[in-house]
Amino acid sequence: MLVSYYGSALPVLLGLAPPEPGIPTLDAGQVTAASLHHFGLSDSFLGRPAVEKVREVLAALPQVVFESYENADHAFDNDDFVLFDADASALAWQRTVEFLRHRLPAG
């Protein structure tokens, strides 16, 4: 199981961007783990076109949940950083808790 915030390595991992040293390329079809991905659509580090490419690839995988935040920039969940977005952060946390609640065994 995976919860990802910002997904800056995903374009390279999914072969959607030029390779980078030390980052492997994966065949998205081989990924079987449930995952939740949070993306700010105003991300100044990972632009909207890259986010949309990642969304297209991930949307084909039934175990993947893709969430986006229209006005959130990169690092929107870091409350000690200038790009912090309290609304996006709170919603992402709520979605993360719900995602994990439905997929982790109760115990």
PDB file of N, CA and C in Angstrom:
ATOM      1  N   MET A   1       0.844  -1.161   0.000  1.00  0.00           N
ATOM      2  CA  MET A   1       0.000   0.000   0.000  1.00  0.00           C
ATOM      3  C   MET A   1       0.896   1.233   0.000  1.00  0.00           C
ATOM      4  N   LEU A   2       0.422   2.259  -0.687  1.00  0.00           N
ATOM      5  CA  LEU A   2       1.216   3.469  -0.845  1.00  0.00           C
ATOM      6  C   LEU A   2       0.313   4.688  -0.774  1.00  0.00           C
ATOM      7  N   VAL A   3       0.765   5.712  -0.066  1.00  0.00           N
ATOM      8  CA  VAL A   3       0.142   7.028  -0.126  1.00  0.00           C
ATOM      9  C   VAL A   3       1.236   7.989  -0.557  1.00  0.00           C
ATOM     10  N   SER A   4       0.994   8.680  -1.657  1.00  0.00           N
ATOM     11  CA  SER A   4       1.986   9.575  -2.240  1.00  0.00           C
ATOM     12  C   SER A   4       1.467  11.001  -2.242  1.00  0.00           C
ATOM     13  N   TYR A   5       2.297  11.907  -1.769  1.00  0.00           N
ATOM     14  CA  TYR A   5       2.005  13.336  -1.857  1.00  0.00           C
ATOM     15  C   TYR A   5       2.961  13.949  -2.867  1.00  0.00           C
ATOM     16  N   TYR A   6       2.441  14.659  -3.844  1.00  0.00           N
ATOM     17  CA  TYR A   6       3.159  15.443  -4.852  1.00  0.00           C
ATOM     18  C   TYR A   6       3.659  14.620  -6.031  1.00  0.00           C
ATOM     19  N   GLY A   7       4.106  13.409  -5.851  1.00  0.00           N
ATOM     20  CA  GLY A   7       4.459  12.496  -6.933  1.00  0.00           C
ATOM     21  C   GLY A   7       5.535  12.965  -7.884  1.00  0.00           C
ATOM     22  N   SER A   8       6.491  13.713  -7.408  1.00  0.00           N
ATOM     23  CA  SER A   8       7.490  14.286  -8.315  1.00  0.00           C
ATOM     24  C   SER A   8       8.352  13.246  -9.024  1.00  0.00           C
ATOM     25  N   ALA A   9       8.511  12.059  -8.463  1.00  0.00           N
ATOM     26  CA  ALA A   9       9.313  11.018  -9.122  1.00  0.00           C
ATOM     27  C   ALA A   9       8.482  10.180 -10.100  1.00  0.00           C
ATOM     28  N   LEU A  10       7.174  10.283 -10.038  1.00  0.00           N
ATOM     29  CA  LEU A  10       6.325   9.407 -10.851  1.00  0.00           C
ATOM     30  C   LEU A  10       6.509   9.561 -12.365  1.00  0.00           C
ATOM     31  N   PRO A  11       6.666  10.749 -12.917  1.00  0.00           N
ATOM     32  CA  PRO A  11       6.872  10.813 -14.371  1.00  0.00           C
ATOM     33  C   PRO A  11       8.076   9.997 -14.839  1.00  0.00           C
ATOM     34  N   VAL A  12       9.162  10.035 -14.083  1.00  0.00           N
ATOM     35  CA  VAL A  12      10.346   9.248 -14.444  1.00  0.00           C
ATOM     36  C   VAL A  12      10.080   7.769 -14.194  1.00  0.00           C
ATOM     37  N   LEU A  13       9.520   7.428 -13.043  1.00  0.00           N
ATOM     38  CA  LEU A  13       9.235   6.032 -12.715  1.00  0.00           C
ATOM     39  C   LEU A  13       8.331   5.374 -13.757  1.00  0.00           C
ATOM     40  N   LEU A  14       7.359   6.134 -14.267  1.00  0.00           N
ATOM     41  CA  LEU A  14       6.396   5.589 -15.227  1.00  0.00           C
ATOM     42  C   LEU A  14       6.853   5.722 -16.676  1.00  0.00           C
ATOM     43  N   GLY A  15       8.068   6.220 -16.887  1.00  0.00           N
ATOM     44  CA  GLY A  15       8.593   6.358 -18.240  1.00  0.00           C
ATOM     45  C   GLY A  15       7.963   7.501 -19.022  1.00  0.00           C
ATOM     46  N   LEU A  16       7.414   8.479 -18.328  1.00  0.00           N
ATOM     47  CA  LEU A  16       6.765   9.617 -18.975  1.00  0.00           C
ATOM     48  C   LEU A  16       7.697  10.817 -19.107  1.00  0.00           C
ATOM     49  N   ALA A  17       8.873  10.714 -18.530  1.00  0.00           N
ATOM     50  CA  ALA A  17       9.878  11.772 -18.577  1.00  0.00           C
ATOM     51  C   ALA A  17      11.228  11.110 -18.826  1.00  0.00           C
ATOM     52  N   PRO A  18      12.213  11.878 -19.267  1.00  0.00           N
ATOM     53  CA  PRO A  18      13.539  11.294 -19.495  1.00  0.00           C
ATOM     54  C   PRO A  18      14.077  10.626 -18.236  1.00  0.00           C
ATOM     55  N   PRO A  19      14.811   9.535 -18.412  1.00  0.00           N
ATOM     56  CA  PRO A  19      15.372   8.817 -17.259  1.00  0.00           C
ATOM     57  C   PRO A  19      16.296   9.710 -16.440  1.00  0.00           C
ATOM     58  N   GLU A  20      16.372   9.401 -15.145  1.00  0.00           N
ATOM     59  CA  GLU A  20      17.287  10.095 -14.245  1.00  0.00           C
ATOM     60  C   GLU A  20      18.117   9.045 -13.524  1.00  0.00           C
ATOM     61  N   PRO A  21      19.393   9.351 -13.268  1.00  0.00           N
ATOM     62  CA  PRO A  21      20.255   8.389 -12.564  1.00  0.00           C
ATOM     63  C   PRO A  21      19.645   7.987 -11.224  1.00  0.00           C
ATOM     64  N   GLY A  22      19.626   6.691 -10.985  1.00  0.00           N
ATOM     65  CA  GLY A  22      19.156   6.164  -9.717  1.00  0.00           C
ATOM     66  C   GLY A  22      17.658   5.955  -9.608  1.00  0.00           C
ATOM     67  N   ILE A  23      16.893   6.384 -10.623  1.00  0.00           N
ATOM     68  CA  ILE A  23      15.443   6.187 -10.584  1.00  0.00           C
ATOM     69  C   ILE A  23      15.072   5.176 -11.666  1.00  0.00           C
ATOM     70  N   PRO A  24      14.578   4.006 -11.280  1.00  0.00           N
ATOM     71  CA  PRO A  24      14.222   2.983 -12.273  1.00  0.00           C
ATOM     72  C   PRO A  24      12.941   3.366 -13.014  1.00  0.00           C
ATOM     73  N   THR A  25      12.706   2.676 -14.113  1.00  0.00           N
ATOM     74  CA  THR A  25      11.455   2.837 -14.853  1.00  0.00           C
ATOM     75  C   THR A  25      10.615   1.595 -14.612  1.00  0.00           C
ATOM     76  N   LEU A  26       9.333   1.792 -14.315  1.00  0.00           N
ATOM     77  CA  LEU A  26       8.418   0.696 -14.019  1.00  0.00           C
ATOM     78  C   LEU A  26       7.398   0.538 -15.131  1.00  0.00           C
ATOM     79  N   ASP A  27       6.923  -0.658 -15.304  1.00  0.00           N
ATOM     80  CA  ASP A  27       5.757  -0.898 -16.143  1.00  0.00           C
ATOM     81  C   ASP A  27       4.553  -0.756 -15.223  1.00  0.00           C
ATOM     82  N   ALA A  28       3.729   0.251 -15.449  1.00  0.00           N
ATOM     83  CA  ALA A  28       2.605   0.527 -14.552  1.00  0.00           C
ATOM     84  C   ALA A  28       1.707  -0.690 -14.379  1.00  0.00           C
ATOM     85  N   GLY A  29       1.602  -1.535 -15.386  1.00  0.00           N
ATOM     86  CA  GLY A  29       0.777  -2.728 -15.299  1.00  0.00           C
ATOM     87  C   GLY A  29       1.282  -3.741 -14.286  1.00  0.00           C
ATOM     88  N   GLN A  30       2.533  -3.639 -13.900  1.00  0.00           N
ATOM     89  CA  GLN A  30       3.105  -4.559 -12.920  1.00  0.00           C
ATOM     90  C   GLN A  30       2.847  -4.121 -11.487  1.00  0.00           C
ATOM     91  N   VAL A  31       2.350  -2.918 -11.305  1.00  0.00           N
ATOM     92  CA  VAL A  31       2.092  -2.399  -9.965  1.00  0.00           C
ATOM     93  C   VAL A  31       0.742  -2.930  -9.503  1.00  0.00           C
ATOM     94  N   THR A  32       0.754  -3.670  -8.406  1.00  0.00           N
ATOM     95  CA  THR A  32      -0.480  -4.283  -7.915  1.00  0.00           C
ATOM     96  C   THR A  32      -0.919  -3.733  -6.560  1.00  0.00           C
ATOM     97  N   ALA A  33      -0.072  -2.982  -5.905  1.00  0.00           N
ATOM     98  CA  ALA A  33      -0.412  -2.442  -4.590  1.00  0.00           C
ATOM     99  C   ALA A  33      -1.443  -1.329  -4.719  1.00  0.00           C
ATOM    100  N   ALA A  34      -2.349  -1.277  -3.758  1.00  0.00           N
ATOM    101  CA  ALA A  34      -3.289  -0.155  -3.701  1.00  0.00           C
ATOM    102  C   ALA A  34      -2.508   1.112  -3.410  1.00  0.00           C
ATOM    103  N   SER A  35      -2.880   2.202  -4.064  1.00  0.00           N
ATOM    104  CA  SER A  35      -2.169   3.449  -3.821  1.00  0.00           C
ATOM    105  C   SER A  35      -3.098   4.648  -3.947  1.00  0.00           C
ATOM    106  N   LEU A  36      -2.755   5.670  -3.199  1.00  0.00           N
ATOM    107  CA  LEU A  36      -3.459   6.944  -3.201  1.00  0.00           C
ATOM    108  C   LEU A  36      -2.430   8.013  -3.527  1.00  0.00           C
ATOM    109  N   HIS A  37      -2.750   8.856  -4.500  1.00  0.00           N
ATOM    110  CA  HIS A  37      -1.821   9.892  -4.953  1.00  0.00           C
ATOM    111  C   HIS A  37      -2.476  11.256  -4.832  1.00  0.00           C
ATOM    112  N   HIS A  38      -1.780  12.187  -4.167  1.00  0.00           N
ATOM    113  CA  HIS A  38      -2.256  13.557  -3.993  1.00  0.00           C
ATOM    114  C   HIS A  38      -1.391  14.495  -4.837  1.00  0.00           C
ATOM    115  N   PHE A  39      -2.035  15.281  -5.694  1.00  0.00           N
ATOM    116  CA  PHE A  39      -1.319  16.226  -6.553  1.00  0.00           C
ATOM    117  C   PHE A  39      -1.936  17.612  -6.460  1.00  0.00           C
ATOM    118  N   GLY A  40      -1.090  18.621  -6.304  1.00  0.00           N
ATOM    119  CA  GLY A  40      -1.529  19.998  -6.447  1.00  0.00           C
ATOM    120  C   GLY A  40      -1.524  20.347  -7.922  1.00  0.00           C
ATOM    121  N   LEU A  41      -2.608  20.891  -8.423  1.00  0.00           N
ATOM    122  CA  LEU A  41      -2.693  21.220  -9.847  1.00  0.00           C
ATOM    123  C   LEU A  41      -2.040  22.562 -10.180  1.00  0.00           C
ATOM    124  N   SER A  42      -1.571  23.281  -9.173  1.00  0.00           N
ATOM    125  CA  SER A  42      -0.800  24.508  -9.391  1.00  0.00           C
ATOM    126  C   SER A  42       0.651  24.297  -8.973  1.00  0.00           C
ATOM    127  N   ASP A  43       1.102  23.048  -9.067  1.00  0.00           N
ATOM    128  CA  ASP A  43       2.447  22.660  -8.654  1.00  0.00           C
ATOM    129  C   ASP A  43       3.476  23.324  -9.564  1.00  0.00           C
ATOM    130  N   SER A  44       4.319  24.176  -8.995  1.00  0.00           N
ATOM    131  CA  SER A  44       5.337  24.875  -9.780  1.00  0.00           C
ATOM    132  C   SER A  44       6.567  23.998 -10.047  1.00  0.00           C
ATOM    133  N   PHE A  45       6.668  22.861  -9.376  1.00  0.00           N
ATOM    134  CA  PHE A  45       7.779  21.933  -9.576  1.00  0.00           C
ATOM    135  C   PHE A  45       7.416  20.865 -10.609  1.00  0.00           C
ATOM    136  N   LEU A  46       6.218  20.334 -10.506  1.00  0.00           N
ATOM    137  CA  LEU A  46       5.716  19.304 -11.408  1.00  0.00           C
ATOM    138  C   LEU A  46       4.476  19.894 -12.076  1.00  0.00           C
ATOM    139  N   GLY A  47       4.625  20.370 -13.292  1.00  0.00           N
ATOM    140  CA  GLY A  47       3.549  21.098 -13.957  1.00  0.00           C
ATOM    141  C   GLY A  47       2.308  20.258 -14.243  1.00  0.00           C
ATOM    142  N   ARG A  48       1.212  20.957 -14.515  1.00  0.00           N
ATOM    143  CA  ARG A  48      -0.058  20.299 -14.787  1.00  0.00           C
ATOM    144  C   ARG A  48       0.028  19.289 -15.945  1.00  0.00           C
ATOM    145  N   PRO A  49       0.743  19.573 -17.044  1.00  0.00           N
ATOM    146  CA  PRO A  49       0.832  18.552 -18.101  1.00  0.00           C
ATOM    147  C   PRO A  49       1.426  17.235 -17.608  1.00  0.00           C
ATOM    148  N   ALA A  50       2.441  17.298 -16.757  1.00  0.00           N
ATOM    149  CA  ALA A  50       3.040  16.075 -16.204  1.00  0.00           C
ATOM    150  C   ALA A  50       2.049  15.370 -15.288  1.00  0.00           C
ATOM    151  N   VAL A  51       1.340  16.148 -14.480  1.00  0.00           N
ATOM    152  CA  VAL A  51       0.337  15.562 -13.580  1.00  0.00           C
ATOM    153  C   VAL A  51      -0.754  14.863 -14.389  1.00  0.00           C
ATOM    154  N   GLU A  52      -1.188  15.474 -15.478  1.00  0.00           N
ATOM    155  CA  GLU A  52      -2.232  14.866 -16.306  1.00  0.00           C
ATOM    156  C   GLU A  52      -1.746  13.582 -16.980  1.00  0.00           C
ATOM    157  N   LYS A  53      -0.482  13.546 -17.389  1.00  0.00           N
ATOM    158  CA  LYS A  53       0.078  12.310 -17.958  1.00  0.00           C
ATOM    159  C   LYS A  53       0.079  11.197 -16.913  1.00  0.00           C
ATOM    160  N   VAL A  54       0.491  11.539 -15.700  1.00  0.00           N
ATOM    161  CA  VAL A  54       0.501  10.550 -14.618  1.00  0.00           C
ATOM    162  C   VAL A  54      -0.924  10.077 -14.355  1.00  0.00           C
ATOM    163  N   ARG A  55      -1.871  11.005 -14.323  1.00  0.00           N
ATOM    164  CA  ARG A  55      -3.269  10.643 -14.086  1.00  0.00           C
ATOM    165  C   ARG A  55      -3.760   9.654 -15.153  1.00  0.00           C
ATOM    166  N   GLU A  56      -3.422   9.896 -16.398  1.00  0.00           N
ATOM    167  CA  GLU A  56      -3.850   9.001 -17.485  1.00  0.00           C
ATOM    168  C   GLU A  56      -3.344   7.578 -17.267  1.00  0.00           C
ATOM    169  N   VAL A  57      -2.084   7.450 -16.880  1.00  0.00           N
ATOM    170  CA  VAL A  57      -1.502   6.126 -16.654  1.00  0.00           C
ATOM    171  C   VAL A  57      -2.135   5.455 -15.434  1.00  0.00           C
ATOM    172  N   LEU A  58      -2.247   6.193 -14.363  1.00  0.00           N
ATOM    173  CA  LEU A  58      -2.760   5.614 -13.127  1.00  0.00           C
ATOM    174  C   LEU A  58      -4.255   5.305 -13.200  1.00  0.00           C
ATOM    175  N   ALA A  59      -4.998   6.076 -13.975  1.00  0.00           N
ATOM    176  CA  ALA A  59      -6.449   5.869 -14.072  1.00  0.00           C
ATOM    177  C   ALA A  59      -6.794   4.489 -14.622  1.00  0.00           C
ATOM    178  N   ALA A  60      -5.887   3.891 -15.342  1.00  0.00           N
ATOM    179  CA  ALA A  60      -6.120   2.559 -15.906  1.00  0.00           C
ATOM    180  C   ALA A  60      -5.975   1.451 -14.864  1.00  0.00           C
ATOM    181  N   LEU A  61      -5.469   1.791 -13.693  1.00  0.00           N
ATOM    182  CA  LEU A  61      -5.222   0.789 -12.656  1.00  0.00           C
ATOM    183  C   LEU A  61      -6.327   0.851 -11.605  1.00  0.00           C
ATOM    184  N   PRO A  62      -7.096  -0.220 -11.449  1.00  0.00           N
ATOM    185  CA  PRO A  62      -8.251  -0.176 -10.539  1.00  0.00           C
ATOM    186  C   PRO A  62      -7.904  -0.002  -9.068  1.00  0.00           C
ATOM    187  N   GLN A  63      -6.692  -0.319  -8.664  1.00  0.00           N
ATOM    188  CA  GLN A  63      -6.300  -0.227  -7.261  1.00  0.00           C
ATOM    189  C   GLN A  63      -5.723   1.150  -6.906  1.00  0.00           C
ATOM    190  N   VAL A  64      -5.767   2.074  -7.871  1.00  0.00           N
ATOM    191  CA  VAL A  64      -5.163   3.385  -7.683  1.00  0.00           C
ATOM    192  C   VAL A  64      -6.236   4.462  -7.532  1.00  0.00           C
ATOM    193  N   VAL A  65      -6.040   5.328  -6.544  1.00  0.00           N
ATOM    194  CA  VAL A  65      -6.908   6.496  -6.346  1.00  0.00           C
ATOM    195  C   VAL A  65      -6.051   7.732  -6.583  1.00  0.00           C
ATOM    196  N   PHE A  66      -6.548   8.621  -7.409  1.00  0.00           N
ATOM    197  CA  PHE A  66      -5.842   9.852  -7.774  1.00  0.00           C
ATOM    198  C   PHE A  66      -6.668  11.030  -7.280  1.00  0.00           C
ATOM    199  N   GLU A  67      -6.083  11.873  -6.440  1.00  0.00           N
ATOM    200  CA  GLU A  67      -6.771  13.057  -5.925  1.00  0.00           C
ATOM    201  C   GLU A  67      -5.977  14.293  -6.316  1.00  0.00           C
ATOM    202  N   SER A  68      -6.687  15.358  -6.660  1.00  0.00           N
ATOM    203  CA  SER A  68      -6.005  16.590  -7.036  1.00  0.00           C
ATOM    204  C   SER A  68      -6.635  17.779  -6.323  1.00  0.00           C
ATOM    205  N   TYR A  69      -5.847  18.833  -6.233  1.00  0.00           N
ATOM    206  CA  TYR A  69      -6.197  20.031  -5.482  1.00  0.00           C
ATOM    207  C   TYR A  69      -5.892  21.235  -6.368  1.00  0.00           C
ATOM    208  N   GLU A  70      -6.939  21.872  -6.859  1.00  0.00           N
ATOM    209  CA  GLU A  70      -6.845  22.884  -7.915  1.00  0.00           C
ATOM    210  C   GLU A  70      -5.817  23.977  -7.641  1.00  0.00           C
ATOM    211  N   ASN A  71      -5.854  24.606  -6.505  1.00  0.00           N
ATOM    212  CA  ASN A  71      -4.987  25.766  -6.249  1.00  0.00           C
ATOM    213  C   ASN A  71      -3.758  25.440  -5.412  1.00  0.00           C
ATOM    214  N   ALA A  72      -3.498  24.173  -5.189  1.00  0.00           N
ATOM    215  CA  ALA A  72      -2.371  23.770  -4.340  1.00  0.00           C
ATOM    216  C   ALA A  72      -1.087  23.658  -5.153  1.00  0.00           C
ATOM    217  N   ASP A  73      -0.011  24.142  -4.565  1.00  0.00           N
ATOM    218  CA  ASP A  73       1.313  24.082  -5.173  1.00  0.00           C
ATOM    219  C   ASP A  73       2.059  22.876  -4.608  1.00  0.00           C
ATOM    220  N   HIS A  74       3.297  22.705  -5.023  1.00  0.00           N
ATOM    221  CA  HIS A  74       4.132  21.625  -4.506  1.00  0.00           C
ATOM    222  C   HIS A  74       4.340  21.850  -3.007  1.00  0.00           C
ATOM    223  N   ALA A  75       4.392  20.801  -2.239  1.00  0.00           N
ATOM    224  CA  ALA A  75       4.597  20.856  -0.787  1.00  0.00           C
ATOM    225  C   ALA A  75       3.431  21.516  -0.061  1.00  0.00           C
ATOM    226  N   PHE A  76       2.230  21.406  -0.636  1.00  0.00           N
ATOM    227  CA  PHE A  76       1.054  22.027  -0.020  1.00  0.00           C
ATOM    228  C   PHE A  76       0.740  21.488   1.363  1.00  0.00           C
ATOM    229  N   ASP A  77       1.276  20.330   1.714  1.00  0.00           N
ATOM    230  CA  ASP A  77       0.997  19.731   3.015  1.00  0.00           C
ATOM    231  C   ASP A  77       2.054  20.073   4.072  1.00  0.00           C
ATOM    232  N   ASN A  78       3.073  20.789   3.704  1.00  0.00           N
ATOM    233  CA  ASN A  78       4.151  21.137   4.631  1.00  0.00           C
ATOM    234  C   ASN A  78       3.797  22.444   5.341  1.00  0.00           C
ATOM    235  N   ASP A  79       3.364  22.341   6.584  1.00  0.00           N
ATOM    236  CA  ASP A  79       2.894  23.523   7.310  1.00  0.00           C
ATOM    237  C   ASP A  79       4.026  24.445   7.782  1.00  0.00           C
ATOM    238  N   ASP A  80       5.243  24.100   7.444  1.00  0.00           N
ATOM    239  CA  ASP A  80       6.402  24.925   7.790  1.00  0.00           C
ATOM    240  C   ASP A  80       7.067  25.461   6.520  1.00  0.00           C
ATOM    241  N   PHE A  81       6.255  25.677   5.486  1.00  0.00           N
ATOM    242  CA  PHE A  81       6.787  26.095   4.186  1.00  0.00           C
ATOM    243  C   PHE A  81       5.837  27.107   3.565  1.00  0.00           C
ATOM    244  N   VAL A  82       6.374  28.004   2.795  1.00  0.00           N
ATOM    245  CA  VAL A  82       5.597  29.098   2.217  1.00  0.00           C
ATOM    246  C   VAL A  82       4.448  28.620   1.316  1.00  0.00           C
ATOM    247  N   LEU A  83       4.548  27.437   0.726  1.00  0.00           N
ATOM    248  CA  LEU A  83       3.516  26.943  -0.190  1.00  0.00           C
ATOM    249  C   LEU A  83       2.411  26.154   0.513  1.00  0.00           C
ATOM    250  N   PHE A  84       2.446  26.096   1.828  1.00  0.00           N
ATOM    251  CA  PHE A  84       1.427  25.377   2.594  1.00  0.00           C
ATOM    252  C   PHE A  84       0.033  25.889   2.234  1.00  0.00           C
ATOM    253  N   ASP A  85      -0.874  24.944   2.013  1.00  0.00           N
ATOM    254  CA  ASP A  85      -2.278  25.258   1.722  1.00  0.00           C
ATOM    255  C   ASP A  85      -3.113  24.497   2.742  1.00  0.00           C
ATOM    256  N   ALA A  86      -3.614  25.205   3.738  1.00  0.00           N
ATOM    257  CA  ALA A  86      -4.316  24.561   4.853  1.00  0.00           C
ATOM    258  C   ALA A  86      -5.529  23.774   4.390  1.00  0.00           C
ATOM    259  N   ASP A  87      -6.285  24.316   3.443  1.00  0.00           N
ATOM    260  CA  ASP A  87      -7.484  23.618   2.968  1.00  0.00           C
ATOM    261  C   ASP A  87      -7.126  22.331   2.226  1.00  0.00           C
ATOM    262  N   ALA A  88      -6.172  22.420   1.316  1.00  0.00           N
ATOM    263  CA  ALA A  88      -5.752  21.229   0.565  1.00  0.00           C
ATOM    264  C   ALA A  88      -5.135  20.200   1.511  1.00  0.00           C
ATOM    265  N   SER A  89      -4.345  20.657   2.468  1.00  0.00           N
ATOM    266  CA  SER A  89      -3.718  19.760   3.431  1.00  0.00           C
ATOM    267  C   SER A  89      -4.761  19.005   4.241  1.00  0.00           C
ATOM    268  N   ALA A  90      -5.759  19.722   4.740  1.00  0.00           N
ATOM    269  CA  ALA A  90      -6.807  19.081   5.546  1.00  0.00           C
ATOM    270  C   ALA A  90      -7.600  18.078   4.722  1.00  0.00           C
ATOM    271  N   LEU A  91      -7.934  18.436   3.498  1.00  0.00           N
ATOM    272  CA  LEU A  91      -8.693  17.525   2.641  1.00  0.00           C
ATOM    273  C   LEU A  91      -7.859  16.301   2.276  1.00  0.00           C
ATOM    274  N   ALA A  92      -6.572  16.500   1.975  1.00  0.00           N
ATOM    275  CA  ALA A  92      -5.701  15.368   1.655  1.00  0.00           C
ATOM    276  C   ALA A  92      -5.587  14.421   2.846  1.00  0.00           C
ATOM    277  N   TRP A  93      -5.476  14.975   4.048  1.00  0.00           N
ATOM    278  CA  TRP A  93      -5.387  14.122   5.240  1.00  0.00           C
ATOM    279  C   TRP A  93      -6.680  13.338   5.424  1.00  0.00           C
ATOM    280  N   GLN A  94      -7.825  13.999   5.271  1.00  0.00           N
ATOM    281  CA  GLN A  94      -9.117  13.320   5.388  1.00  0.00           C
ATOM    282  C   GLN A  94      -9.210  12.177   4.378  1.00  0.00           C
ATOM    283  N   ARG A  95      -8.806  12.438   3.151  1.00  0.00           N
ATOM    284  CA  ARG A  95      -8.849  11.409   2.107  1.00  0.00           C
ATOM    285  C   ARG A  95      -7.871  10.279   2.405  1.00  0.00           C
ATOM    286  N   THR A  96      -6.716  10.612   2.967  1.00  0.00           N
ATOM    287  CA  THR A  96      -5.730   9.590   3.315  1.00  0.00           C
ATOM    288  C   THR A  96      -6.268   8.675   4.407  1.00  0.00           C
ATOM    289  N   VAL A  97      -6.832   9.249   5.439  1.00  0.00           N
ATOM    290  CA  VAL A  97      -7.388   8.456   6.542  1.00  0.00           C
ATOM    291  C   VAL A  97      -8.493   7.545   6.018  1.00  0.00           C
ATOM    292  N   GLU A  98      -9.352   8.063   5.177  1.00  0.00           N
ATOM    293  CA  GLU A  98     -10.450   7.266   4.623  1.00  0.00           C
ATOM    294  C   GLU A  98      -9.912   6.126   3.747  1.00  0.00           C
ATOM    295  N   PHE A  99      -8.927   6.434   2.919  1.00  0.00           N
ATOM    296  CA  PHE A  99      -8.292   5.426   2.060  1.00  0.00           C
ATOM    297  C   PHE A  99      -7.721   4.288   2.912  1.00  0.00           C
ATOM    298  N   LEU A 100      -6.969   4.652   3.948  1.00  0.00           N
ATOM    299  CA  LEU A 100      -6.355   3.636   4.813  1.00  0.00           C
ATOM    300  C   LEU A 100      -7.405   2.879   5.617  1.00  0.00           C
ATOM    301  N   ARG A 101      -8.431   3.549   6.070  1.00  0.00           N
ATOM    302  CA  ARG A 101      -9.496   2.899   6.842  1.00  0.00           C
ATOM    303  C   ARG A 101     -10.163   1.792   6.029  1.00  0.00           C
ATOM    304  N   HIS A 102     -10.321   2.012   4.746  1.00  0.00           N
ATOM    305  CA  HIS A 102     -10.993   1.020   3.905  1.00  0.00           C
ATOM    306  C   HIS A 102     -10.081  -0.107   3.457  1.00  0.00           C
ATOM    307  N   ARG A 103      -8.770   0.079   3.591  1.00  0.00           N
ATOM    308  CA  ARG A 103      -7.861  -0.931   3.051  1.00  0.00           C
ATOM    309  C   ARG A 103      -7.021  -1.661   4.079  1.00  0.00           C
ATOM    310  N   LEU A 104      -6.882  -1.102   5.258  1.00  0.00           N
ATOM    311  CA  LEU A 104      -6.106  -1.782   6.295  1.00  0.00           C
ATOM    312  C   LEU A 104      -7.015  -2.632   7.151  1.00  0.00           C
ATOM    313  N   PRO A 105      -6.513  -3.769   7.593  1.00  0.00           N
ATOM    314  CA  PRO A 105      -7.344  -4.625   8.462  1.00  0.00           C
ATOM    315  C   PRO A 105      -7.596  -3.938   9.800  1.00  0.00           C
ATOM    316  N   ALA A 106      -8.799  -4.111  10.294  1.00  0.00           N
ATOM    317  CA  ALA A 106      -9.137  -3.572  11.618  1.00  0.00           C
ATOM    318  C   ALA A 106      -8.495  -4.478  12.672  1.00  0.00           C
ATOM    319  N   GLY A 107      -8.029  -3.887  13.719  1.00  0.00           N
ATOM    320  CA  GLY A 107      -7.370  -4.744  14.676  1.00  0.00           C
ATOM    321  C   GLY A 107      -7.285  -4.211  16.007  1.00  0.00           C
TER     322      GLY A 107
END
